[in-house]
Amino acid sequence: MSRAATTSDSFNAVAEPRRRDILNFLAPAERPVGAIVEGLGLPQPSVSKHLRVLLDVGLVEVRRDGRQAFYRTNAEAIKPVHEWTSRFERYWRRQLIRVKERAEQSEHTHGNTTHRRKS
């Protein structure tokens, strides 16, 4: 089975780490390409390429002001990705609880074997 192109849908688009970085960077506010380049330390052609993919799948929107383009996340388009990943939240929460319980049990077991000197 061949792998889907990373530009085919939002799930494939966010599989690329730099695109996730761009989405995270745009989450608080819309920004021009130059701010993304500077903020993430990526080359401008790379940022433009990734923005094109994100725009094509609908994860970002663009607003033009004269010659400058301002990009922002499209929360509605990101919602299906969030809903899908949140299904796994319960699993990770259980895993973290188990790690905590093991650490506490280990601390309790090893903590009782330590003897303190009396002065």
PDB file of N, CA and C in Angstrom:
ATOM      1  N   MET A   1       0.842  -1.173   0.000  1.00  0.00           N
ATOM      2  CA  MET A   1       0.000   0.000   0.000  1.00  0.00           C
ATOM      3  C   MET A   1       0.890   1.239   0.000  1.00  0.00           C
ATOM      4  N   SER A   2       0.647   2.153  -0.909  1.00  0.00           N
ATOM      5  CA  SER A   2       1.462   3.357  -0.976  1.00  0.00           C
ATOM      6  C   SER A   2       1.004   4.372   0.055  1.00  0.00           C
ATOM      7  N   ARG A   3       1.937   5.175   0.477  1.00  0.00           N
ATOM      8  CA  ARG A   3       1.677   6.184   1.495  1.00  0.00           C
ATOM      9  C   ARG A   3       1.038   7.411   0.850  1.00  0.00           C
ATOM     10  N   ALA A   4       0.061   8.015   1.532  1.00  0.00           N
ATOM     11  CA  ALA A   4      -0.604   9.208   1.015  1.00  0.00           C
ATOM     12  C   ALA A   4       0.364  10.384   1.044  1.00  0.00           C
ATOM     13  N   ALA A   5       0.198  11.258   0.099  1.00  0.00           N
ATOM     14  CA  ALA A   5       1.028  12.464   0.073  1.00  0.00           C
ATOM     15  C   ALA A   5       0.738  13.302   1.307  1.00  0.00           C
ATOM     16  N   THR A   6       1.773  13.990   1.794  1.00  0.00           N
ATOM     17  CA  THR A   6       1.598  14.805   2.998  1.00  0.00           C
ATOM     18  C   THR A   6       0.724  16.015   2.746  1.00  0.00           C
ATOM     19  N   THR A   7       0.344  16.229   1.513  1.00  0.00           N
ATOM     20  CA  THR A   7      -0.501  17.371   1.180  1.00  0.00           C
ATOM     21  C   THR A   7      -1.952  16.968   0.962  1.00  0.00           C
ATOM     22  N   SER A   8      -2.310  15.708   1.185  1.00  0.00           N
ATOM     23  CA  SER A   8      -3.639  15.231   0.832  1.00  0.00           C
ATOM     24  C   SER A   8      -4.729  15.563   1.848  1.00  0.00           C
ATOM     25  N   ASP A   9      -4.403  15.605   3.110  1.00  0.00           N
ATOM     26  CA  ASP A   9      -5.404  15.929   4.122  1.00  0.00           C
ATOM     27  C   ASP A   9      -4.720  16.461   5.382  1.00  0.00           C
ATOM     28  N   SER A  10      -5.526  16.917   6.328  1.00  0.00           N
ATOM     29  CA  SER A  10      -4.960  17.542   7.527  1.00  0.00           C
ATOM     30  C   SER A  10      -4.124  16.574   8.352  1.00  0.00           C
ATOM     31  N   PHE A  11      -4.504  15.316   8.413  1.00  0.00           N
ATOM     32  CA  PHE A  11      -3.738  14.345   9.193  1.00  0.00           C
ATOM     33  C   PHE A  11      -2.347  14.139   8.605  1.00  0.00           C
ATOM     34  N   ASN A  12      -2.271  14.011   7.296  1.00  0.00           N
ATOM     35  CA  ASN A  12      -0.971  13.863   6.653  1.00  0.00           C
ATOM     36  C   ASN A  12      -0.168  15.149   6.732  1.00  0.00           C
ATOM     37  N   ALA A  13      -0.847  16.283   6.638  1.00  0.00           N
ATOM     38  CA  ALA A  13      -0.140  17.565   6.699  1.00  0.00           C
ATOM     39  C   ALA A  13       0.526  17.767   8.060  1.00  0.00           C
ATOM     40  N   VAL A  14      -0.159  17.416   9.141  1.00  0.00           N
ATOM     41  CA  VAL A  14       0.420  17.624  10.474  1.00  0.00           C
ATOM     42  C   VAL A  14       1.417  16.540  10.856  1.00  0.00           C
ATOM     43  N   ALA A  15       1.583  15.551  10.002  1.00  0.00           N
ATOM     44  CA  ALA A  15       2.601  14.530  10.265  1.00  0.00           C
ATOM     45  C   ALA A  15       4.002  15.115  10.151  1.00  0.00           C
ATOM     46  N   GLU A  16       4.134  16.234   9.460  1.00  0.00           N
ATOM     47  CA  GLU A  16       5.435  16.883   9.269  1.00  0.00           C
ATOM     48  C   GLU A  16       5.699  17.815  10.455  1.00  0.00           C
ATOM     49  N   PRO A  17       6.785  17.584  11.201  1.00  0.00           N
ATOM     50  CA  PRO A  17       7.047  18.364  12.422  1.00  0.00           C
ATOM     51  C   PRO A  17       7.117  19.881  12.220  1.00  0.00           C
ATOM     52  N   ARG A  18       7.686  20.326  11.109  1.00  0.00           N
ATOM     53  CA  ARG A  18       7.788  21.780  10.905  1.00  0.00           C
ATOM     54  C   ARG A  18       6.418  22.404  10.710  1.00  0.00           C
ATOM     55  N   ARG A  19       5.499  21.657  10.123  1.00  0.00           N
ATOM     56  CA  ARG A  19       4.130  22.175   9.972  1.00  0.00           C
ATOM     57  C   ARG A  19       3.447  22.279  11.332  1.00  0.00           C
ATOM     58  N   ARG A  20       3.710  21.325  12.194  1.00  0.00           N
ATOM     59  CA  ARG A  20       3.151  21.422  13.556  1.00  0.00           C
ATOM     60  C   ARG A  20       3.751  22.620  14.278  1.00  0.00           C
ATOM     61  N   ASP A  21       5.049  22.848  14.078  1.00  0.00           N
ATOM     62  CA  ASP A  21       5.693  24.025  14.674  1.00  0.00           C
ATOM     63  C   ASP A  21       5.034  25.314  14.190  1.00  0.00           C
ATOM     64  N   ILE A  22       4.748  25.375  12.908  1.00  0.00           N
ATOM     65  CA  ILE A  22       4.102  26.569  12.346  1.00  0.00           C
ATOM     66  C   ILE A  22       2.706  26.735  12.938  1.00  0.00           C
ATOM     67  N   LEU A  23       1.953  25.655  13.025  1.00  0.00           N
ATOM     68  CA  LEU A  23       0.609  25.744  13.617  1.00  0.00           C
ATOM     69  C   LEU A  23       0.680  26.215  15.068  1.00  0.00           C
ATOM     70  N   ASN A  24       1.629  25.685  15.827  1.00  0.00           N
ATOM     71  CA  ASN A  24       1.803  26.121  17.215  1.00  0.00           C
ATOM     72  C   ASN A  24       2.159  27.598  17.283  1.00  0.00           C
ATOM     73  N   PHE A  25       3.014  28.036  16.383  1.00  0.00           N
ATOM     74  CA  PHE A  25       3.453  29.431  16.362  1.00  0.00           C
ATOM     75  C   PHE A  25       2.299  30.367  16.000  1.00  0.00           C
ATOM     76  N   LEU A  26       1.411  29.902  15.130  1.00  0.00           N
ATOM     77  CA  LEU A  26       0.271  30.723  14.715  1.00  0.00           C
ATOM     78  C   LEU A  26      -0.910  30.654  15.677  1.00  0.00           C
ATOM     79  N   ALA A  27      -0.907  29.707  16.582  1.00  0.00           N
ATOM     80  CA  ALA A  27      -2.061  29.510  17.466  1.00  0.00           C
ATOM     81  C   ALA A  27      -2.484  30.768  18.231  1.00  0.00           C
ATOM     82  N   PRO A  28      -1.561  31.526  18.819  1.00  0.00           N
ATOM     83  CA  PRO A  28      -2.006  32.685  19.598  1.00  0.00           C
ATOM     84  C   PRO A  28      -2.464  33.878  18.757  1.00  0.00           C
ATOM     85  N   ALA A  29      -1.918  34.029  17.542  1.00  0.00           N
ATOM     86  CA  ALA A  29      -2.250  35.218  16.748  1.00  0.00           C
ATOM     87  C   ALA A  29      -1.832  35.021  15.297  1.00  0.00           C
ATOM     88  N   GLU A  30      -2.480  35.769  14.411  1.00  0.00           N
ATOM     89  CA  GLU A  30      -2.056  35.725  13.011  1.00  0.00           C
ATOM     90  C   GLU A  30      -0.719  36.428  12.868  1.00  0.00           C
ATOM     91  N   ARG A  31       0.070  35.969  11.889  1.00  0.00           N
ATOM     92  CA  ARG A  31       1.413  36.515  11.714  1.00  0.00           C
ATOM     93  C   ARG A  31       1.792  36.498  10.240  1.00  0.00           C
ATOM     94  N   PRO A  32       2.645  37.443   9.847  1.00  0.00           N
ATOM     95  CA  PRO A  32       3.157  37.420   8.476  1.00  0.00           C
ATOM     96  C   PRO A  32       4.260  36.363   8.347  1.00  0.00           C
ATOM     97  N   VAL A  33       4.568  36.002   7.108  1.00  0.00           N
ATOM     98  CA  VAL A  33       5.589  34.980   6.845  1.00  0.00           C
ATOM     99  C   VAL A  33       6.913  35.337   7.511  1.00  0.00           C
ATOM    100  N   GLY A  34       7.310  36.619   7.421  1.00  0.00           N
ATOM    101  CA  GLY A  34       8.586  37.040   8.012  1.00  0.00           C
ATOM    102  C   GLY A  34       8.672  36.758   9.496  1.00  0.00           C
ATOM    103  N   ALA A  35       7.571  36.939  10.217  1.00  0.00           N
ATOM    104  CA  ALA A  35       7.566  36.660  11.655  1.00  0.00           C
ATOM    105  C   ALA A  35       7.704  35.166  11.917  1.00  0.00           C
ATOM    106  N   ILE A  36       7.116  34.352  11.053  1.00  0.00           N
ATOM    107  CA  ILE A  36       7.230  32.891  11.203  1.00  0.00           C
ATOM    108  C   ILE A  36       8.673  32.463  10.945  1.00  0.00           C
ATOM    109  N   VAL A  37       9.253  33.003   9.894  1.00  0.00           N
ATOM    110  CA  VAL A  37      10.651  32.702   9.560  1.00  0.00           C
ATOM    111  C   VAL A  37      11.554  33.052  10.733  1.00  0.00           C
ATOM    112  N   GLU A  38      11.382  34.261  11.249  1.00  0.00           N
ATOM    113  CA  GLU A  38      12.227  34.730  12.350  1.00  0.00           C
ATOM    114  C   GLU A  38      11.960  33.949  13.637  1.00  0.00           C
ATOM    115  N   GLY A  39      10.701  33.747  13.942  1.00  0.00           N
ATOM    116  CA  GLY A  39      10.331  33.071  15.193  1.00  0.00           C
ATOM    117  C   GLY A  39      10.757  31.618  15.251  1.00  0.00           C
ATOM    118  N   LEU A  40      10.718  30.943  14.113  1.00  0.00           N
ATOM    119  CA  LEU A  40      11.055  29.516  14.095  1.00  0.00           C
ATOM    120  C   LEU A  40      12.458  29.234  13.570  1.00  0.00           C
ATOM    121  N   GLY A  41      13.103  30.243  13.018  1.00  0.00           N
ATOM    122  CA  GLY A  41      14.459  30.050  12.498  1.00  0.00           C
ATOM    123  C   GLY A  41      14.521  29.134  11.297  1.00  0.00           C
ATOM    124  N   LEU A  42      13.480  29.155  10.487  1.00  0.00           N
ATOM    125  CA  LEU A  42      13.436  28.332   9.278  1.00  0.00           C
ATOM    126  C   LEU A  42      13.679  29.203   8.053  1.00  0.00           C
ATOM    127  N   PRO A  43      14.184  28.626   6.984  1.00  0.00           N
ATOM    128  CA  PRO A  43      14.367  29.408   5.761  1.00  0.00           C
ATOM    129  C   PRO A  43      13.010  29.839   5.187  1.00  0.00           C
ATOM    130  N   GLN A  44      12.961  31.026   4.613  1.00  0.00           N
ATOM    131  CA  GLN A  44      11.711  31.560   4.083  1.00  0.00           C
ATOM    132  C   GLN A  44      11.076  30.644   3.029  1.00  0.00           C
ATOM    133  N   PRO A  45      11.848  30.090   2.080  1.00  0.00           N
ATOM    134  CA  PRO A  45      11.208  29.198   1.102  1.00  0.00           C
ATOM    135  C   PRO A  45      10.546  27.980   1.748  1.00  0.00           C
ATOM    136  N   SER A  46      11.168  27.466   2.799  1.00  0.00           N
ATOM    137  CA  SER A  46      10.609  26.320   3.508  1.00  0.00           C
ATOM    138  C   SER A  46       9.295  26.699   4.193  1.00  0.00           C
ATOM    139  N   VAL A  47       9.276  27.844   4.860  1.00  0.00           N
ATOM    140  CA  VAL A  47       8.055  28.311   5.527  1.00  0.00           C
ATOM    141  C   VAL A  47       6.938  28.494   4.505  1.00  0.00           C
ATOM    142  N   SER A  48       7.261  29.115   3.382  1.00  0.00           N
ATOM    143  CA  SER A  48       6.252  29.328   2.336  1.00  0.00           C
ATOM    144  C   SER A  48       5.704  28.008   1.808  1.00  0.00           C
ATOM    145  N   LYS A  49       6.586  27.031   1.627  1.00  0.00           N
ATOM    146  CA  LYS A  49       6.157  25.711   1.136  1.00  0.00           C
ATOM    147  C   LYS A  49       5.212  25.053   2.143  1.00  0.00           C
ATOM    148  N   HIS A  50       5.577  25.096   3.422  1.00  0.00           N
ATOM    149  CA  HIS A  50       4.744  24.471   4.451  1.00  0.00           C
ATOM    150  C   HIS A  50       3.417  25.217   4.619  1.00  0.00           C
ATOM    151  N   LEU A  51       3.463  26.536   4.527  1.00  0.00           N
ATOM    152  CA  LEU A  51       2.219  27.308   4.609  1.00  0.00           C
ATOM    153  C   LEU A  51       1.289  26.963   3.448  1.00  0.00           C
ATOM    154  N   ARG A  52       1.846  26.746   2.273  1.00  0.00           N
ATOM    155  CA  ARG A  52       1.030  26.373   1.110  1.00  0.00           C
ATOM    156  C   ARG A  52       0.309  25.064   1.371  1.00  0.00           C
ATOM    157  N   VAL A  53       1.004  24.084   1.934  1.00  0.00           N
ATOM    158  CA  VAL A  53       0.386  22.790   2.250  1.00  0.00           C
ATOM    159  C   VAL A  53      -0.722  22.993   3.287  1.00  0.00           C
ATOM    160  N   LEU A  54      -0.406  23.733   4.351  1.00  0.00           N
ATOM    161  CA  LEU A  54      -1.396  23.965   5.405  1.00  0.00           C
ATOM    162  C   LEU A  54      -2.603  24.724   4.871  1.00  0.00           C
ATOM    163  N   LEU A  55      -2.377  25.643   3.971  1.00  0.00           N
ATOM    164  CA  LEU A  55      -3.454  26.399   3.342  1.00  0.00           C
ATOM    165  C   LEU A  55      -4.294  25.489   2.448  1.00  0.00           C
ATOM    166  N   ASP A  56      -3.631  24.654   1.667  1.00  0.00           N
ATOM    167  CA  ASP A  56      -4.338  23.758   0.745  1.00  0.00           C
ATOM    168  C   ASP A  56      -5.265  22.783   1.464  1.00  0.00           C
ATOM    169  N   VAL A  57      -4.860  22.320   2.655  1.00  0.00           N
ATOM    170  CA  VAL A  57      -5.706  21.371   3.397  1.00  0.00           C
ATOM    171  C   VAL A  57      -6.641  22.100   4.367  1.00  0.00           C
ATOM    172  N   GLY A  58      -6.539  23.421   4.426  1.00  0.00           N
ATOM    173  CA  GLY A  58      -7.469  24.216   5.221  1.00  0.00           C
ATOM    174  C   GLY A  58      -7.084  24.444   6.665  1.00  0.00           C
ATOM    175  N   LEU A  59      -5.874  24.056   7.072  1.00  0.00           N
ATOM    176  CA  LEU A  59      -5.483  24.220   8.477  1.00  0.00           C
ATOM    177  C   LEU A  59      -5.087  25.653   8.819  1.00  0.00           C
ATOM    178  N   VAL A  60      -4.749  26.443   7.815  1.00  0.00           N
ATOM    179  CA  VAL A  60      -4.494  27.868   8.027  1.00  0.00           C
ATOM    180  C   VAL A  60      -5.315  28.664   7.027  1.00  0.00           C
ATOM    181  N   GLU A  61      -5.533  29.913   7.375  1.00  0.00           N
ATOM    182  CA  GLU A  61      -6.205  30.864   6.498  1.00  0.00           C
ATOM    183  C   GLU A  61      -5.269  32.044   6.314  1.00  0.00           C
ATOM    184  N   VAL A  62      -5.474  32.793   5.255  1.00  0.00           N
ATOM    185  CA  VAL A  62      -4.612  33.927   4.968  1.00  0.00           C
ATOM    186  C   VAL A  62      -5.470  35.177   4.789  1.00  0.00           C
ATOM    187  N   ARG A  63      -4.954  36.285   5.285  1.00  0.00           N
ATOM    188  CA  ARG A  63      -5.582  37.591   5.117  1.00  0.00           C
ATOM    189  C   ARG A  63      -4.542  38.489   4.480  1.00  0.00           C
ATOM    190  N   ARG A  64      -4.916  39.161   3.419  1.00  0.00           N
ATOM    191  CA  ARG A  64      -3.988  40.062   2.736  1.00  0.00           C
ATOM    192  C   ARG A  64      -4.242  41.489   3.178  1.00  0.00           C
ATOM    193  N   ASP A  65      -3.141  42.178   3.442  1.00  0.00           N
ATOM    194  CA  ASP A  65      -3.186  43.608   3.766  1.00  0.00           C
ATOM    195  C   ASP A  65      -2.134  44.264   2.882  1.00  0.00           C
ATOM    196  N   GLY A  66      -2.578  44.791   1.751  1.00  0.00           N
ATOM    197  CA  GLY A  66      -1.627  45.315   0.777  1.00  0.00           C
ATOM    198  C   GLY A  66      -0.828  44.175   0.190  1.00  0.00           C
ATOM    199  N   ARG A  67       0.471  44.294   0.270  1.00  0.00           N
ATOM    200  CA  ARG A  67       1.354  43.255  -0.273  1.00  0.00           C
ATOM    201  C   ARG A  67       1.680  42.175   0.749  1.00  0.00           C
ATOM    202  N   GLN A  68       1.290  42.399   1.992  1.00  0.00           N
ATOM    203  CA  GLN A  68       1.657  41.446   3.043  1.00  0.00           C
ATOM    204  C   GLN A  68       0.517  40.461   3.309  1.00  0.00           C
ATOM    205  N   ALA A  69       0.892  39.203   3.528  1.00  0.00           N
ATOM    206  CA  ALA A  69      -0.063  38.144   3.854  1.00  0.00           C
ATOM    207  C   ALA A  69       0.094  37.770   5.319  1.00  0.00           C
ATOM    208  N   PHE A  70      -1.029  37.683   6.017  1.00  0.00           N
ATOM    209  CA  PHE A  70      -1.045  37.294   7.428  1.00  0.00           C
ATOM    210  C   PHE A  70      -1.743  35.939   7.538  1.00  0.00           C
ATOM    211  N   TYR A  71      -1.063  35.001   8.181  1.00  0.00           N
ATOM    212  CA  TYR A  71      -1.589  33.646   8.322  1.00  0.00           C
ATOM    213  C   TYR A  71      -2.084  33.424   9.744  1.00  0.00           C
ATOM    214  N   ARG A  72      -3.147  32.633   9.852  1.00  0.00           N
ATOM    215  CA  ARG A  72      -3.706  32.266  11.157  1.00  0.00           C
ATOM    216  C   ARG A  72      -4.226  30.828  11.072  1.00  0.00           C
ATOM    217  N   THR A  73      -4.310  30.188  12.204  1.00  0.00           N
ATOM    218  CA  THR A  73      -4.826  28.821  12.221  1.00  0.00           C
ATOM    219  C   THR A  73      -6.328  28.844  11.977  1.00  0.00           C
ATOM    220  N   ASN A  74      -6.818  27.762  11.433  1.00  0.00           N
ATOM    221  CA  ASN A  74      -8.247  27.570  11.213  1.00  0.00           C
ATOM    222  C   ASN A  74      -8.706  26.520  12.218  1.00  0.00           C
ATOM    223  N   ALA A  75      -9.213  26.981  13.335  1.00  0.00           N
ATOM    224  CA  ALA A  75      -9.570  26.083  14.441  1.00  0.00           C
ATOM    225  C   ALA A  75     -10.586  25.022  14.029  1.00  0.00           C
ATOM    226  N   GLU A  76     -11.535  25.379  13.197  1.00  0.00           N
ATOM    227  CA  GLU A  76     -12.539  24.396  12.758  1.00  0.00           C
ATOM    228  C   GLU A  76     -11.899  23.244  11.984  1.00  0.00           C
ATOM    229  N   ALA A  77     -10.917  23.546  11.149  1.00  0.00           N
ATOM    230  CA  ALA A  77     -10.257  22.506  10.364  1.00  0.00           C
ATOM    231  C   ALA A  77      -9.360  21.632  11.237  1.00  0.00           C
ATOM    232  N   ILE A  78      -8.853  22.190  12.329  1.00  0.00           N
ATOM    233  CA  ILE A  78      -7.979  21.436  13.235  1.00  0.00           C
ATOM    234  C   ILE A  78      -8.808  20.538  14.163  1.00  0.00           C
ATOM    235  N   LYS A  79     -10.065  20.856  14.338  1.00  0.00           N
ATOM    236  CA  LYS A  79     -10.934  20.116  15.273  1.00  0.00           C
ATOM    237  C   LYS A  79     -10.946  18.602  15.038  1.00  0.00           C
ATOM    238  N   PRO A  80     -11.069  18.105  13.807  1.00  0.00           N
ATOM    239  CA  PRO A  80     -11.045  16.639  13.619  1.00  0.00           C
ATOM    240  C   PRO A  80      -9.740  15.994  14.089  1.00  0.00           C
ATOM    241  N   VAL A  81      -8.620  16.670  13.893  1.00  0.00           N
ATOM    242  CA  VAL A  81      -7.329  16.146  14.351  1.00  0.00           C
ATOM    243  C   VAL A  81      -7.332  16.085  15.879  1.00  0.00           C
ATOM    244  N   HIS A  82      -7.803  17.153  16.501  1.00  0.00           N
ATOM    245  CA  HIS A  82      -7.875  17.198  17.962  1.00  0.00           C
ATOM    246  C   HIS A  82      -8.800  16.105  18.505  1.00  0.00           C
ATOM    247  N   GLU A  83      -9.961  15.951  17.899  1.00  0.00           N
ATOM    248  CA  GLU A  83     -10.908  14.930  18.369  1.00  0.00           C
ATOM    249  C   GLU A  83     -10.318  13.533  18.255  1.00  0.00           C
ATOM    250  N   TRP A  84      -9.606  13.272  17.175  1.00  0.00           N
ATOM    251  CA  TRP A  84      -9.013  11.959  16.996  1.00  0.00           C
ATOM    252  C   TRP A  84      -7.918  11.713  18.028  1.00  0.00           C
ATOM    253  N   THR A  85      -7.024  12.689  18.224  1.00  0.00           N
ATOM    254  CA  THR A  85      -5.923  12.493  19.175  1.00  0.00           C
ATOM    255  C   THR A  85      -6.423  12.446  20.612  1.00  0.00           C
ATOM    256  N   SER A  86      -7.523  13.126  20.905  1.00  0.00           N
ATOM    257  CA  SER A  86      -8.030  13.120  22.279  1.00  0.00           C
ATOM    258  C   SER A  86      -8.538  11.739  22.693  1.00  0.00           C
ATOM    259  N   ARG A  87      -8.825  10.889  21.719  1.00  0.00           N
ATOM    260  CA  ARG A  87      -9.226   9.516  22.041  1.00  0.00           C
ATOM    261  C   ARG A  87      -8.125   8.778  22.792  1.00  0.00           C
ATOM    262  N   PHE A  88      -6.901   9.184  22.588  1.00  0.00           N
ATOM    263  CA  PHE A  88      -5.768   8.514  23.211  1.00  0.00           C
ATOM    264  C   PHE A  88      -5.399   9.140  24.553  1.00  0.00           C
ATOM    265  N   GLU A  89      -6.038  10.230  24.892  1.00  0.00           N
ATOM    266  CA  GLU A  89      -5.740  10.916  26.152  1.00  0.00           C
ATOM    267  C   GLU A  89      -5.994  10.005  27.349  1.00  0.00           C
ATOM    268  N   ARG A  90      -7.074   9.260  27.301  1.00  0.00           N
ATOM    269  CA  ARG A  90      -7.407   8.348  28.393  1.00  0.00           C
ATOM    270  C   ARG A  90      -6.283   7.326  28.591  1.00  0.00           C
ATOM    271  N   TYR A  91      -5.748   6.789  27.506  1.00  0.00           N
ATOM    272  CA  TYR A  91      -4.645   5.829  27.588  1.00  0.00           C
ATOM    273  C   TYR A  91      -3.440   6.456  28.276  1.00  0.00           C
ATOM    274  N   TRP A  92      -3.037   7.660  27.841  1.00  0.00           N
ATOM    275  CA  TRP A  92      -1.854   8.298  28.406  1.00  0.00           C
ATOM    276  C   TRP A  92      -2.073   8.690  29.853  1.00  0.00           C
ATOM    277  N   ARG A  93      -3.274   9.091  30.189  1.00  0.00           N
ATOM    278  CA  ARG A  93      -3.570   9.429  31.578  1.00  0.00           C
ATOM    279  C   ARG A  93      -3.403   8.196  32.460  1.00  0.00           C
ATOM    280  N   ARG A  94      -3.896   7.037  31.983  1.00  0.00           N
ATOM    281  CA  ARG A  94      -3.721   5.785  32.741  1.00  0.00           C
ATOM    282  C   ARG A  94      -2.248   5.439  32.886  1.00  0.00           C
ATOM    283  N   GLN A  95      -1.486   5.621  31.808  1.00  0.00           N
ATOM    284  CA  GLN A  95      -0.058   5.328  31.859  1.00  0.00           C
ATOM    285  C   GLN A  95       0.637   6.206  32.902  1.00  0.00           C
ATOM    286  N   LEU A  96       0.325   7.493  32.924  1.00  0.00           N
ATOM    287  CA  LEU A  96       0.941   8.406  33.887  1.00  0.00           C
ATOM    288  C   LEU A  96       0.558   8.047  35.318  1.00  0.00           C
ATOM    289  N   ILE A  97      -0.674   7.649  35.528  1.00  0.00           N
ATOM    290  CA  ILE A  97      -1.115   7.234  36.869  1.00  0.00           C
ATOM    291  C   ILE A  97      -0.332   5.990  37.305  1.00  0.00           C
ATOM    292  N   ARG A  98      -0.136   5.047  36.384  1.00  0.00           N
ATOM    293  CA  ARG A  98       0.626   3.835  36.719  1.00  0.00           C
ATOM    294  C   ARG A  98       2.072   4.166  37.058  1.00  0.00           C
ATOM    295  N   VAL A  99       2.690   5.070  36.316  1.00  0.00           N
ATOM    296  CA  VAL A  99       4.067   5.475  36.603  1.00  0.00           C
ATOM    297  C   VAL A  99       4.137   6.124  37.974  1.00  0.00           C
ATOM    298  N   LYS A 100       3.187   7.000  38.279  1.00  0.00           N
ATOM    299  CA  LYS A 100       3.156   7.674  39.577  1.00  0.00           C
ATOM    300  C   LYS A 100       3.002   6.648  40.709  1.00  0.00           C
ATOM    301  N   GLU A 101       2.084   5.707  40.531  1.00  0.00           N
ATOM    302  CA  GLU A 101       1.865   4.690  41.568  1.00  0.00           C
ATOM    303  C   GLU A 101       3.123   3.848  41.792  1.00  0.00           C
ATOM    304  N   ARG A 102       3.806   3.480  40.714  1.00  0.00           N
ATOM    305  CA  ARG A 102       5.038   2.695  40.847  1.00  0.00           C
ATOM    306  C   ARG A 102       6.120   3.497  41.559  1.00  0.00           C
ATOM    307  N   ALA A 103       6.235   4.774  41.229  1.00  0.00           N
ATOM    308  CA  ALA A 103       7.239   5.625  41.873  1.00  0.00           C
ATOM    309  C   ALA A 103       6.938   5.768  43.359  1.00  0.00           C
ATOM    310  N   GLU A 104       5.678   5.966  43.685  1.00  0.00           N
ATOM    311  CA  GLU A 104       5.302   6.097  45.097  1.00  0.00           C
ATOM    312  C   GLU A 104       5.525   4.790  45.843  1.00  0.00           C
ATOM    313  N   GLN A 105       5.209   3.675  45.189  1.00  0.00           N
ATOM    314  CA  GLN A 105       5.423   2.373  45.820  1.00  0.00           C
ATOM    315  C   GLN A 105       6.915   2.129  46.040  1.00  0.00           C
ATOM    316  N   SER A 106       7.717   2.463  45.053  1.00  0.00           N
ATOM    317  CA  SER A 106       9.163   2.298  45.166  1.00  0.00           C
ATOM    318  C   SER A 106       9.720   3.193  46.263  1.00  0.00           C
ATOM    319  N   GLU A 107       9.243   4.414  46.325  1.00  0.00           N
ATOM    320  CA  GLU A 107       9.695   5.354  47.358  1.00  0.00           C
ATOM    321  C   GLU A 107       9.317   4.839  48.744  1.00  0.00           C
ATOM    322  N   HIS A 108       8.123   4.323  48.861  1.00  0.00           N
ATOM    323  CA  HIS A 108       7.656   3.801  50.142  1.00  0.00           C
ATOM    324  C   HIS A 108       8.480   2.576  50.547  1.00  0.00           C
ATOM    325  N   THR A 109       8.723   1.671  49.585  1.00  0.00           N
ATOM    326  CA  THR A 109       9.486   0.457  49.854  1.00  0.00           C
ATOM    327  C   THR A 109      10.935   0.783  50.227  1.00  0.00           C
ATOM    328  N   HIS A 110      11.578   1.636  49.450  1.00  0.00           N
ATOM    329  CA  HIS A 110      12.974   1.968  49.700  1.00  0.00           C
ATOM    330  C   HIS A 110      13.123   2.979  50.833  1.00  0.00           C
ATOM    331  N   GLY A 111      12.127   3.771  51.017  1.00  0.00           N
ATOM    332  CA  GLY A 111      12.175   4.791  52.091  1.00  0.00           C
ATOM    333  C   GLY A 111      12.149   4.156  53.469  1.00  0.00           C
ATOM    334  N   ASN A 112      11.480   3.041  53.626  1.00  0.00           N
ATOM    335  CA  ASN A 112      11.390   2.369  54.917  1.00  0.00           C
ATOM    336  C   ASN A 112      12.648   1.618  55.281  1.00  0.00           C
ATOM    337  N   THR A 113      13.498   1.330  54.313  1.00  0.00           N
ATOM    338  CA  THR A 113      14.713   0.572  54.611  1.00  0.00           C
ATOM    339  C   THR A 113      15.868   1.484  55.016  1.00  0.00           C
ATOM    340  N   THR A 114      15.696   2.764  54.879  1.00  0.00           N
ATOM    341  CA  THR A 114      16.736   3.714  55.240  1.00  0.00           C
ATOM    342  C   THR A 114      16.693   3.940  56.741  1.00  0.00           C
ATOM    343  N   HIS A 115      17.803   3.782  57.385  1.00  0.00           N
ATOM    344  CA  HIS A 115      17.870   3.996  58.841  1.00  0.00           C
ATOM    345  C   HIS A 115      18.492   5.335  59.130  1.00  0.00           C
ATOM    346  N   ARG A 116      17.934   6.021  60.106  1.00  0.00           N
ATOM    347  CA  ARG A 116      18.498   7.308  60.504  1.00  0.00           C
ATOM    348  C   ARG A 116      19.319   7.108  61.777  1.00  0.00           C
ATOM    349  N   ARG A 117      20.421   7.822  61.842  1.00  0.00           N
ATOM    350  CA  ARG A 117      21.241   7.760  63.050  1.00  0.00           C
ATOM    351  C   ARG A 117      20.621   8.645  64.132  1.00  0.00           C
ATOM    352  N   LYS A 118      20.707   8.158  65.358  1.00  0.00           N
ATOM    353  CA  LYS A 118      20.245   8.969  66.466  1.00  0.00           C
ATOM    354  C   LYS A 118      21.397   9.798  66.969  1.00  0.00           C
ATOM    355  N   SER A 119      21.131  11.052  67.309  1.00  0.00           N
ATOM    356  CA  SER A 119      22.196  11.943  67.811  1.00  0.00           C
ATOM    357  C   SER A 119      22.374  11.767  69.274  1.00  0.00           C
TER     358      SER A 119
END
